[in-house]
PDB file of N, CA and C in Angstrom:
ATOM      1  N   UNK A   1    -114.405  53.508  -7.685  1.00  0.00           N
ATOM      2  CA  UNK A   1    -113.091  52.980  -7.420  1.00  0.00           C
ATOM      3  C   UNK A   1    -112.759  51.867  -8.418  1.00  0.00           C
ATOM      4  N   UNK A   2    -111.576  51.946  -8.963  1.00  0.00           N
ATOM      5  CA  UNK A   2    -111.155  50.883  -9.865  1.00  0.00           C
ATOM      6  C   UNK A   2    -110.490  49.776  -9.042  1.00  0.00           C
ATOM      7  N   UNK A   3    -110.139  48.710  -9.731  1.00  0.00           N
ATOM      8  CA  UNK A   3    -109.510  47.589  -9.028  1.00  0.00           C
ATOM      9  C   UNK A   3    -108.138  47.955  -8.476  1.00  0.00           C
ATOM     10  N   UNK A   4    -107.445  48.915  -9.084  1.00  0.00           N
ATOM     11  CA  UNK A   4    -106.106  49.273  -8.608  1.00  0.00           C
ATOM     12  C   UNK A   4    -106.164  50.108  -7.341  1.00  0.00           C
ATOM     13  N   UNK A   5    -107.277  50.776  -7.078  1.00  0.00           N
ATOM     14  CA  UNK A   5    -107.369  51.661  -5.925  1.00  0.00           C
ATOM     15  C   UNK A   5    -107.908  50.962  -4.691  1.00  0.00           C
ATOM     16  N   UNK A   6    -108.417  49.751  -4.844  1.00  0.00           N
ATOM     17  CA  UNK A   6    -108.978  49.040  -3.704  1.00  0.00           C
ATOM     18  C   UNK A   6    -107.857  48.464  -2.841  1.00  0.00           C
ATOM     19  N   UNK A   7    -108.032  48.448  -1.539  1.00  0.00           N
ATOM     20  CA  UNK A   7    -107.008  47.856  -0.681  1.00  0.00           C
ATOM     21  C   UNK A   7    -106.906  46.350  -0.930  1.00  0.00           C
ATOM     22  N   UNK A   8    -105.703  45.844  -0.775  1.00  0.00           N
ATOM     23  CA  UNK A   8    -105.460  44.416  -0.997  1.00  0.00           C
ATOM     24  C   UNK A   8    -105.862  43.671   0.252  1.00  0.00           C
ATOM     25  N   UNK A   9    -106.637  42.619   0.066  1.00  0.00           N
ATOM     26  CA  UNK A   9    -107.057  41.795   1.195  1.00  0.00           C
ATOM     27  C   UNK A   9    -105.971  40.754   1.436  1.00  0.00           C
ATOM     28  N   UNK A  10    -105.626  40.572   2.686  1.00  0.00           N
ATOM     29  CA  UNK A  10    -104.586  39.616   3.035  1.00  0.00           C
ATOM     30  C   UNK A  10    -105.270  38.333   3.502  1.00  0.00           C
ATOM     31  N   UNK A  11    -105.400  37.389   2.585  1.00  0.00           N
ATOM     32  CA  UNK A  11    -106.072  36.132   2.896  1.00  0.00           C
ATOM     33  C   UNK A  11    -105.093  35.026   3.239  1.00  0.00           C
ATOM     34  N   UNK A  12    -103.798  35.313   3.275  1.00  0.00           N
ATOM     35  CA  UNK A  12    -102.817  34.274   3.550  1.00  0.00           C
ATOM     36  C   UNK A  12    -102.917  33.844   4.999  1.00  0.00           C
ATOM     37  N   UNK A  13    -102.785  32.552   5.219  1.00  0.00           N
ATOM     38  CA  UNK A  13    -102.838  32.081   6.626  1.00  0.00           C
ATOM     39  C   UNK A  13    -101.655  32.633   7.412  1.00  0.00           C
ATOM     40  N   UNK A  14    -101.819  32.676   8.726  1.00  0.00           N
ATOM     41  CA  UNK A  14    -100.791  33.244   9.601  1.00  0.00           C
ATOM     42  C   UNK A  14     -99.503  32.449   9.536  1.00  0.00           C
ATOM     43  N   UNK A  15     -99.579  31.124   9.465  1.00  0.00           N
ATOM     44  CA  UNK A  15     -98.385  30.288   9.433  1.00  0.00           C
ATOM     45  C   UNK A  15     -97.587  30.511   8.162  1.00  0.00           C
ATOM     46  N   UNK A  16     -98.291  30.836   7.065  1.00  0.00           N
ATOM     47  CA  UNK A  16     -97.611  31.088   5.797  1.00  0.00           C
ATOM     48  C   UNK A  16     -96.830  32.415   5.857  1.00  0.00           C
ATOM     49  N   UNK A  17     -97.435  33.421   6.490  1.00  0.00           N
ATOM     50  CA  UNK A  17     -96.745  34.679   6.643  1.00  0.00           C
ATOM     51  C   UNK A  17     -95.499  34.535   7.518  1.00  0.00           C
ATOM     52  N   UNK A  18     -95.615  33.759   8.594  1.00  0.00           N
ATOM     53  CA  UNK A  18     -94.458  33.517   9.457  1.00  0.00           C
ATOM     54  C   UNK A  18     -93.361  32.768   8.697  1.00  0.00           C
ATOM     55  N   UNK A  19     -93.738  31.836   7.871  1.00  0.00           N
ATOM     56  CA  UNK A  19     -92.765  31.075   7.093  1.00  0.00           C
ATOM     57  C   UNK A  19     -92.033  31.985   6.105  1.00  0.00           C
ATOM     58  N   UNK A  20     -92.727  32.914   5.508  1.00  0.00           N
ATOM     59  CA  UNK A  20     -92.082  33.867   4.587  1.00  0.00           C
ATOM     60  C   UNK A  20     -91.097  34.738   5.340  1.00  0.00           C
ATOM     61  N   UNK A  21     -91.445  35.195   6.548  1.00  0.00           N
ATOM     62  CA  UNK A  21     -90.516  35.996   7.358  1.00  0.00           C
ATOM     63  C   UNK A  21     -89.277  35.184   7.740  1.00  0.00           C
ATOM     64  N   UNK A  22     -89.476  33.934   8.117  1.00  0.00           N
ATOM     65  CA  UNK A  22     -88.344  33.068   8.479  1.00  0.00           C
ATOM     66  C   UNK A  22     -87.424  32.860   7.276  1.00  0.00           C
ATOM     67  N   UNK A  23     -88.001  32.590   6.106  1.00  0.00           N
ATOM     68  CA  UNK A  23     -87.189  32.386   4.903  1.00  0.00           C
ATOM     69  C   UNK A  23     -86.428  33.673   4.551  1.00  0.00           C
ATOM     70  N   UNK A  24     -87.039  34.811   4.731  1.00  0.00           N
ATOM     71  CA  UNK A  24     -86.348  36.072   4.477  1.00  0.00           C
ATOM     72  C   UNK A  24     -85.197  36.269   5.437  1.00  0.00           C
ATOM     73  N   UNK A  25     -85.392  35.925   6.710  1.00  0.00           N
ATOM     74  CA  UNK A  25     -84.324  36.028   7.692  1.00  0.00           C
ATOM     75  C   UNK A  25     -83.164  35.096   7.385  1.00  0.00           C
ATOM     76  N   UNK A  26     -83.478  33.882   6.975  1.00  0.00           N
ATOM     77  CA  UNK A  26     -82.427  32.930   6.585  1.00  0.00           C
ATOM     78  C   UNK A  26     -81.671  33.440   5.376  1.00  0.00           C
ATOM     79  N   UNK A  27     -82.365  34.000   4.432  1.00  0.00           N
ATOM     80  CA  UNK A  27     -81.719  34.562   3.233  1.00  0.00           C
ATOM     81  C   UNK A  27     -80.751  35.686   3.601  1.00  0.00           C
ATOM     82  N   UNK A  28     -81.158  36.547   4.525  1.00  0.00           N
ATOM     83  CA  UNK A  28     -80.295  37.642   4.970  1.00  0.00           C
ATOM     84  C   UNK A  28     -79.065  37.078   5.685  1.00  0.00           C
ATOM     85  N   UNK A  29     -79.250  36.075   6.547  1.00  0.00           N
ATOM     86  CA  UNK A  29     -78.126  35.474   7.259  1.00  0.00           C
ATOM     87  C   UNK A  29     -77.156  34.807   6.295  1.00  0.00           C
ATOM     88  N   UNK A  30     -77.658  34.132   5.283  1.00  0.00           N
ATOM     89  CA  UNK A  30     -76.779  33.503   4.297  1.00  0.00           C
ATOM     90  C   UNK A  30     -75.995  34.548   3.512  1.00  0.00           C
ATOM     91  N   UNK A  31     -76.622  35.644   3.163  1.00  0.00           N
ATOM     92  CA  UNK A  31     -75.933  36.717   2.443  1.00  0.00           C
ATOM     93  C   UNK A  31     -74.818  37.309   3.318  1.00  0.00           C
ATOM     94  N   UNK A  32     -75.094  37.504   4.601  1.00  0.00           N
ATOM     95  CA  UNK A  32     -74.062  37.987   5.512  1.00  0.00           C
ATOM     96  C   UNK A  32     -72.917  36.973   5.611  1.00  0.00           C
ATOM     97  N   UNK A  33     -73.235  35.688   5.627  1.00  0.00           N
ATOM     98  CA  UNK A  33     -72.200  34.663   5.653  1.00  0.00           C
ATOM     99  C   UNK A  33     -71.332  34.697   4.421  1.00  0.00           C
ATOM    100  N   UNK A  34     -71.922  34.926   3.270  1.00  0.00           N
ATOM    101  CA  UNK A  34     -71.134  35.039   2.026  1.00  0.00           C
ATOM    102  C   UNK A  34     -70.203  36.244   2.104  1.00  0.00           C
ATOM    103  N   UNK A  35     -70.683  37.358   2.595  1.00  0.00           N
ATOM    104  CA  UNK A  35     -69.856  38.547   2.703  1.00  0.00           C
ATOM    105  C   UNK A  35     -68.699  38.327   3.696  1.00  0.00           C
ATOM    106  N   UNK A  36     -68.977  37.686   4.826  1.00  0.00           N
ATOM    107  CA  UNK A  36     -67.924  37.402   5.807  1.00  0.00           C
ATOM    108  C   UNK A  36     -66.885  36.465   5.200  1.00  0.00           C
ATOM    109  N   UNK A  37     -67.322  35.436   4.478  1.00  0.00           N
ATOM    110  CA  UNK A  37     -66.387  34.526   3.818  1.00  0.00           C
ATOM    111  C   UNK A  37     -65.545  35.230   2.776  1.00  0.00           C
ATOM    112  N   UNK A  38     -66.130  36.145   2.042  1.00  0.00           N
ATOM    113  CA  UNK A  38     -65.398  36.900   1.025  1.00  0.00           C
ATOM    114  C   UNK A  38     -64.326  37.780   1.687  1.00  0.00           C
ATOM    115  N   UNK A  39     -64.682  38.475   2.748  1.00  0.00           N
ATOM    116  CA  UNK A  39     -63.695  39.307   3.447  1.00  0.00           C
ATOM    117  C   UNK A  39     -62.590  38.463   4.071  1.00  0.00           C
ATOM    118  N   UNK A  40     -62.930  37.261   4.569  1.00  0.00           N
ATOM    119  CA  UNK A  40     -61.925  36.372   5.136  1.00  0.00           C
ATOM    120  C   UNK A  40     -60.936  35.939   4.058  1.00  0.00           C
ATOM    121  N   UNK A  41     -61.434  35.567   2.896  1.00  0.00           N
ATOM    122  CA  UNK A  41     -60.563  35.145   1.806  1.00  0.00           C
ATOM    123  C   UNK A  41     -59.666  36.311   1.322  1.00  0.00           C
ATOM    124  N   UNK A  42     -60.187  37.507   1.320  1.00  0.00           N
ATOM    125  CA  UNK A  42     -59.388  38.657   0.855  1.00  0.00           C
ATOM    126  C   UNK A  42     -58.311  39.045   1.868  1.00  0.00           C
ATOM    127  N   UNK A  43     -58.511  38.761   3.154  1.00  0.00           N
ATOM    128  CA  UNK A  43     -57.532  39.135   4.162  1.00  0.00           C
ATOM    129  C   UNK A  43     -56.411  38.142   4.301  1.00  0.00           C
ATOM    130  N   UNK A  44     -56.595  36.891   3.812  1.00  0.00           N
ATOM    131  CA  UNK A  44     -55.537  35.884   3.930  1.00  0.00           C
ATOM    132  C   UNK A  44     -54.358  36.281   3.054  1.00  0.00           C
ATOM    133  N   UNK A  45     -53.138  36.024   3.537  1.00  0.00           N
ATOM    134  CA  UNK A  45     -51.978  36.345   2.702  1.00  0.00           C
ATOM    135  C   UNK A  45     -51.918  35.406   1.489  1.00  0.00           C
ATOM    136  N   UNK A  46     -51.361  35.880   0.393  1.00  0.00           N
ATOM    137  CA  UNK A  46     -51.308  35.019  -0.799  1.00  0.00           C
ATOM    138  C   UNK A  46     -50.355  33.860  -0.576  1.00  0.00           C
ATOM    139  N   UNK A  47     -50.551  32.815  -1.338  1.00  0.00           N
ATOM    140  CA  UNK A  47     -49.706  31.622  -1.241  1.00  0.00           C
ATOM    141  C   UNK A  47     -48.306  31.962  -1.724  1.00  0.00           C
ATOM    142  N   UNK A  48     -47.301  31.315  -1.149  1.00  0.00           N
ATOM    143  CA  UNK A  48     -45.937  31.586  -1.609  1.00  0.00           C
ATOM    144  C   UNK A  48     -45.748  31.093  -3.043  1.00  0.00           C
ATOM    145  N   UNK A  49     -44.846  31.723  -3.772  1.00  0.00           N
ATOM    146  CA  UNK A  49     -44.626  31.286  -5.151  1.00  0.00           C
ATOM    147  C   UNK A  49     -44.025  29.886  -5.203  1.00  0.00           C
ATOM    148  N   UNK A  50     -44.264  29.139  -6.260  1.00  0.00           N
ATOM    149  CA  UNK A  50     -43.731  27.790  -6.343  1.00  0.00           C
ATOM    150  C   UNK A  50     -42.201  27.799  -6.412  1.00  0.00           C
ATOM    151  N   UNK A  51     -41.608  26.781  -5.830  1.00  0.00           N
ATOM    152  CA  UNK A  51     -40.159  26.681  -5.774  1.00  0.00           C
ATOM    153  C   UNK A  51     -39.687  25.803  -6.945  1.00  0.00           C
ATOM    154  N   UNK A  52     -38.813  26.298  -7.800  1.00  0.00           N
ATOM    155  CA  UNK A  52     -38.333  25.445  -8.901  1.00  0.00           C
ATOM    156  C   UNK A  52     -37.396  24.358  -8.376  1.00  0.00           C
ATOM    157  N   UNK A  53     -37.506  23.177  -8.976  1.00  0.00           N
ATOM    158  CA  UNK A  53     -36.691  22.036  -8.588  1.00  0.00           C
ATOM    159  C   UNK A  53     -35.964  21.535  -9.815  1.00  0.00           C
ATOM    160  N   UNK A  54     -34.651  21.367  -9.716  1.00  0.00           N
ATOM    161  CA  UNK A  54     -33.850  20.830 -10.831  1.00  0.00           C
ATOM    162  C   UNK A  54     -33.666  19.328 -10.612  1.00  0.00           C
ATOM    163  N   UNK A  55     -34.228  18.517 -11.530  1.00  0.00           N
ATOM    164  CA  UNK A  55     -34.172  17.066 -11.352  1.00  0.00           C
ATOM    165  C   UNK A  55     -33.288  16.368 -12.378  1.00  0.00           C
ATOM    166  N   UNK A  56     -32.941  17.058 -13.447  1.00  0.00           N
ATOM    167  CA  UNK A  56     -32.128  16.479 -14.511  1.00  0.00           C
ATOM    168  C   UNK A  56     -32.774  15.238 -15.129  1.00  0.00           C
ATOM    169  N   UNK A  57     -34.065  15.326 -15.405  1.00  0.00           N
ATOM    170  CA  UNK A  57     -34.807  14.278 -16.093  1.00  0.00           C
ATOM    171  C   UNK A  57     -35.152  14.755 -17.480  1.00  0.00           C
ATOM    172  N   UNK A  58     -35.193  13.840 -18.424  1.00  0.00           N
ATOM    173  CA  UNK A  58     -35.823  14.138 -19.691  1.00  0.00           C
ATOM    174  C   UNK A  58     -37.240  13.599 -19.623  1.00  0.00           C
ATOM    175  N   UNK A  59     -38.079  14.032 -20.524  1.00  0.00           N
ATOM    176  CA  UNK A  59     -39.475  13.604 -20.504  1.00  0.00           C
ATOM    177  C   UNK A  59     -39.638  12.112 -20.670  1.00  0.00           C
ATOM    178  N   UNK A  60     -38.734  11.457 -21.407  1.00  0.00           N
ATOM    179  CA  UNK A  60     -38.843  10.026 -21.637  1.00  0.00           C
ATOM    180  C   UNK A  60     -38.382   9.225 -20.440  1.00  0.00           C
ATOM    181  N   UNK A  61     -37.610   9.840 -19.532  1.00  0.00           N
ATOM    182  CA  UNK A  61     -37.111   9.101 -18.365  1.00  0.00           C
ATOM    183  C   UNK A  61     -38.181   8.845 -17.326  1.00  0.00           C
ATOM    184  N   UNK A  62     -39.138   9.745 -17.157  1.00  0.00           N
ATOM    185  CA  UNK A  62     -40.142   9.614 -16.096  1.00  0.00           C
ATOM    186  C   UNK A  62     -41.126   8.536 -16.456  1.00  0.00           C
ATOM    187  N   UNK A  63     -41.273   7.566 -15.545  1.00  0.00           N
ATOM    188  CA  UNK A  63     -42.210   6.463 -15.790  1.00  0.00           C
ATOM    189  C   UNK A  63     -43.466   6.562 -14.917  1.00  0.00           C
ATOM    190  N   UNK A  64     -43.314   7.084 -13.691  1.00  0.00           N
ATOM    191  CA  UNK A  64     -44.450   7.117 -12.778  1.00  0.00           C
ATOM    192  C   UNK A  64     -44.263   8.260 -11.801  1.00  0.00           C
ATOM    193  N   UNK A  65     -45.364   8.903 -11.408  1.00  0.00           N
ATOM    194  CA  UNK A  65     -45.345   9.943 -10.371  1.00  0.00           C
ATOM    195  C   UNK A  65     -46.472   9.684  -9.392  1.00  0.00           C
ATOM    196  N   UNK A  66     -46.207   9.893  -8.092  1.00  0.00           N
ATOM    197  CA  UNK A  66     -47.230   9.695  -7.058  1.00  0.00           C
ATOM    198  C   UNK A  66     -47.135  10.882  -6.082  1.00  0.00           C
ATOM    199  N   UNK A  67     -48.270  11.428  -5.719  1.00  0.00           N
ATOM    200  CA  UNK A  67     -48.348  12.571  -4.812  1.00  0.00           C
ATOM    201  C   UNK A  67     -49.052  12.130  -3.536  1.00  0.00           C
ATOM    202  N   UNK A  68     -48.407  12.420  -2.384  1.00  0.00           N
ATOM    203  CA  UNK A  68     -49.001  12.062  -1.088  1.00  0.00           C
ATOM    204  C   UNK A  68     -48.731  13.230  -0.135  1.00  0.00           C
ATOM    205  N   UNK A  69     -49.767  13.942   0.236  1.00  0.00           N
ATOM    206  CA  UNK A  69     -49.675  15.114   1.119  1.00  0.00           C
ATOM    207  C   UNK A  69     -48.680  16.109   0.536  1.00  0.00           C
ATOM    208  N   UNK A  70     -47.505  16.250   1.144  1.00  0.00           N
ATOM    209  CA  UNK A  70     -46.521  17.221   0.677  1.00  0.00           C
ATOM    210  C   UNK A  70     -45.329  16.575  -0.007  1.00  0.00           C
ATOM    211  N   UNK A  71     -45.449  15.318  -0.385  1.00  0.00           N
ATOM    212  CA  UNK A  71     -44.329  14.618  -0.998  1.00  0.00           C
ATOM    213  C   UNK A  71     -44.712  14.124  -2.389  1.00  0.00           C
ATOM    214  N   UNK A  72     -43.795  14.296  -3.309  1.00  0.00           N
ATOM    215  CA  UNK A  72     -43.960  13.813  -4.683  1.00  0.00           C
ATOM    216  C   UNK A  72     -42.879  12.781  -4.950  1.00  0.00           C
ATOM    217  N   UNK A  73     -43.295  11.593  -5.322  1.00  0.00           N
ATOM    218  CA  UNK A  73     -42.358  10.519  -5.659  1.00  0.00           C
ATOM    219  C   UNK A  73     -42.351  10.368  -7.174  1.00  0.00           C
ATOM    220  N   UNK A  74     -41.153  10.425  -7.777  1.00  0.00           N
ATOM    221  CA  UNK A  74     -41.008  10.309  -9.217  1.00  0.00           C
ATOM    222  C   UNK A  74     -40.130   9.092  -9.504  1.00  0.00           C
ATOM    223  N   UNK A  75     -40.653   8.173 -10.292  1.00  0.00           N
ATOM    224  CA  UNK A  75     -39.893   7.010 -10.704  1.00  0.00           C
ATOM    225  C   UNK A  75     -39.449   7.218 -12.134  1.00  0.00           C
ATOM    226  N   UNK A  76     -38.147   7.134 -12.356  1.00  0.00           N
ATOM    227  CA  UNK A  76     -37.605   7.248 -13.712  1.00  0.00           C
ATOM    228  C   UNK A  76     -36.947   5.936 -14.083  1.00  0.00           C
ATOM    229  N   UNK A  77     -36.332   5.918 -15.235  1.00  0.00           N
ATOM    230  CA  UNK A  77     -35.646   4.713 -15.669  1.00  0.00           C
ATOM    231  C   UNK A  77     -34.359   4.490 -14.887  1.00  0.00           C
ATOM    232  N   UNK A  78     -33.819   5.520 -14.230  1.00  0.00           N
ATOM    233  CA  UNK A  78     -32.546   5.426 -13.539  1.00  0.00           C
ATOM    234  C   UNK A  78     -32.643   5.483 -12.013  1.00  0.00           C
ATOM    235  N   UNK A  79     -33.662   6.197 -11.468  1.00  0.00           N
ATOM    236  CA  UNK A  79     -33.721   6.357 -10.026  1.00  0.00           C
ATOM    237  C   UNK A  79     -35.149   6.712  -9.582  1.00  0.00           C
ATOM    238  N   UNK A  80     -35.338   6.660  -8.253  1.00  0.00           N
ATOM    239  CA  UNK A  80     -36.575   7.119  -7.615  1.00  0.00           C
ATOM    240  C   UNK A  80     -36.223   8.338  -6.790  1.00  0.00           C
ATOM    241  N   UNK A  81     -36.967   9.414  -6.990  1.00  0.00           N
ATOM    242  CA  UNK A  81     -36.718  10.659  -6.281  1.00  0.00           C
ATOM    243  C   UNK A  81     -37.967  11.035  -5.497  1.00  0.00           C
ATOM    244  N   UNK A  82     -37.783  11.361  -4.206  1.00  0.00           N
ATOM    245  CA  UNK A  82     -38.895  11.846  -3.370  1.00  0.00           C
ATOM    246  C   UNK A  82     -38.609  13.316  -3.056  1.00  0.00           C
ATOM    247  N   UNK A  83     -39.568  14.181  -3.342  1.00  0.00           N
ATOM    248  CA  UNK A  83     -39.392  15.620  -3.201  1.00  0.00           C
ATOM    249  C   UNK A  83     -40.433  16.153  -2.227  1.00  0.00           C
ATOM    250  N   UNK A  84     -39.998  17.045  -1.348  1.00  0.00           N
ATOM    251  CA  UNK A  84     -40.915  17.780  -0.492  1.00  0.00           C
ATOM    252  C   UNK A  84     -41.390  18.990  -1.299  1.00  0.00           C
ATOM    253  N   UNK A  85     -42.664  19.029  -1.636  1.00  0.00           N
ATOM    254  CA  UNK A  85     -43.144  20.074  -2.552  1.00  0.00           C
ATOM    255  C   UNK A  85     -43.320  21.427  -1.868  1.00  0.00           C
ATOM    256  N   UNK A  86     -43.276  21.482  -0.537  1.00  0.00           N
ATOM    257  CA  UNK A  86     -43.406  22.774   0.132  1.00  0.00           C
ATOM    258  C   UNK A  86     -42.145  23.623   0.009  1.00  0.00           C
ATOM    259  N   UNK A  87     -40.974  22.973   0.021  1.00  0.00           N
ATOM    260  CA  UNK A  87     -39.741  23.746  -0.083  1.00  0.00           C
ATOM    261  C   UNK A  87     -38.913  23.379  -1.309  1.00  0.00           C
ATOM    262  N   UNK A  88     -39.313  22.350  -2.049  1.00  0.00           N
ATOM    263  CA  UNK A  88     -38.639  21.994  -3.291  1.00  0.00           C
ATOM    264  C   UNK A  88     -37.354  21.204  -3.121  1.00  0.00           C
ATOM    265  N   UNK A  89     -37.116  20.663  -1.933  1.00  0.00           N
ATOM    266  CA  UNK A  89     -35.882  19.897  -1.706  1.00  0.00           C
ATOM    267  C   UNK A  89     -36.104  18.416  -1.968  1.00  0.00           C
ATOM    268  N   UNK A  90     -35.115  17.780  -2.550  1.00  0.00           N
ATOM    269  CA  UNK A  90     -35.165  16.333  -2.778  1.00  0.00           C
ATOM    270  C   UNK A  90     -34.847  15.660  -1.451  1.00  0.00           C
ATOM    271  N   UNK A  91     -35.781  14.865  -0.933  1.00  0.00           N
ATOM    272  CA  UNK A  91     -35.583  14.183   0.329  1.00  0.00           C
ATOM    273  C   UNK A  91     -34.834  12.855   0.168  1.00  0.00           C
ATOM    274  N   UNK A  92     -35.032  12.217  -0.977  1.00  0.00           N
ATOM    275  CA  UNK A  92     -34.455  10.883  -1.155  1.00  0.00           C
ATOM    276  C   UNK A  92     -34.191  10.655  -2.623  1.00  0.00           C
ATOM    277  N   UNK A  93     -33.052  10.058  -2.917  1.00  0.00           N
ATOM    278  CA  UNK A  93     -32.705   9.629  -4.277  1.00  0.00           C
ATOM    279  C   UNK A  93     -32.206   8.203  -4.203  1.00  0.00           C
ATOM    280  N   UNK A  94     -32.967   7.278  -4.793  1.00  0.00           N
ATOM    281  CA  UNK A  94     -32.583   5.868  -4.799  1.00  0.00           C
ATOM    282  C   UNK A  94     -32.253   5.435  -6.215  1.00  0.00           C
ATOM    283  N   UNK A  95     -30.992   5.091  -6.461  1.00  0.00           N
ATOM    284  CA  UNK A  95     -30.650   4.631  -7.821  1.00  0.00           C
ATOM    285  C   UNK A  95     -31.215   3.230  -8.063  1.00  0.00           C
ATOM    286  N   UNK A  96     -31.699   3.014  -9.274  1.00  0.00           N
ATOM    287  CA  UNK A  96     -32.210   1.698  -9.663  1.00  0.00           C
ATOM    288  C   UNK A  96     -31.103   0.923 -10.361  1.00  0.00           C
ATOM    289  N   UNK A  97     -30.987  -0.342 -10.030  1.00  0.00           N
ATOM    290  CA  UNK A  97     -29.932  -1.153 -10.634  1.00  0.00           C
ATOM    291  C   UNK A  97     -30.506  -2.147 -11.615  1.00  0.00           C
TER     292      UNK A  97
END
C-alpha cells in the first residue's frame, strides 16, 4: 500500500470538528442573508426621477448652499431660497437688502 491508499486518520479534537461545523453553518446562513438582501433590493421600485427646478441664478450669484433632510437652502447675492428637494418646489424666497 502506498501513502495515497492508506485511510486518513482523524486526529483532530472533537471540539475543533464541532467548531468547523458551526463556522460552516454560519457561512451558509450569511450567504442566504446576502441572497435575501439582493432579492429585496431588486424588488424595490426604482427611485423617482429628479425634478428640475428653475432658480434663475448664475454661477457667480450663489454664495452658500446648505442641505438639511429634504430641504436645500441656497444663499445668493440677491436672495435666500429654500427648496423642498422631494418635489422641487421653492418653499421660501427671502430677498436680501
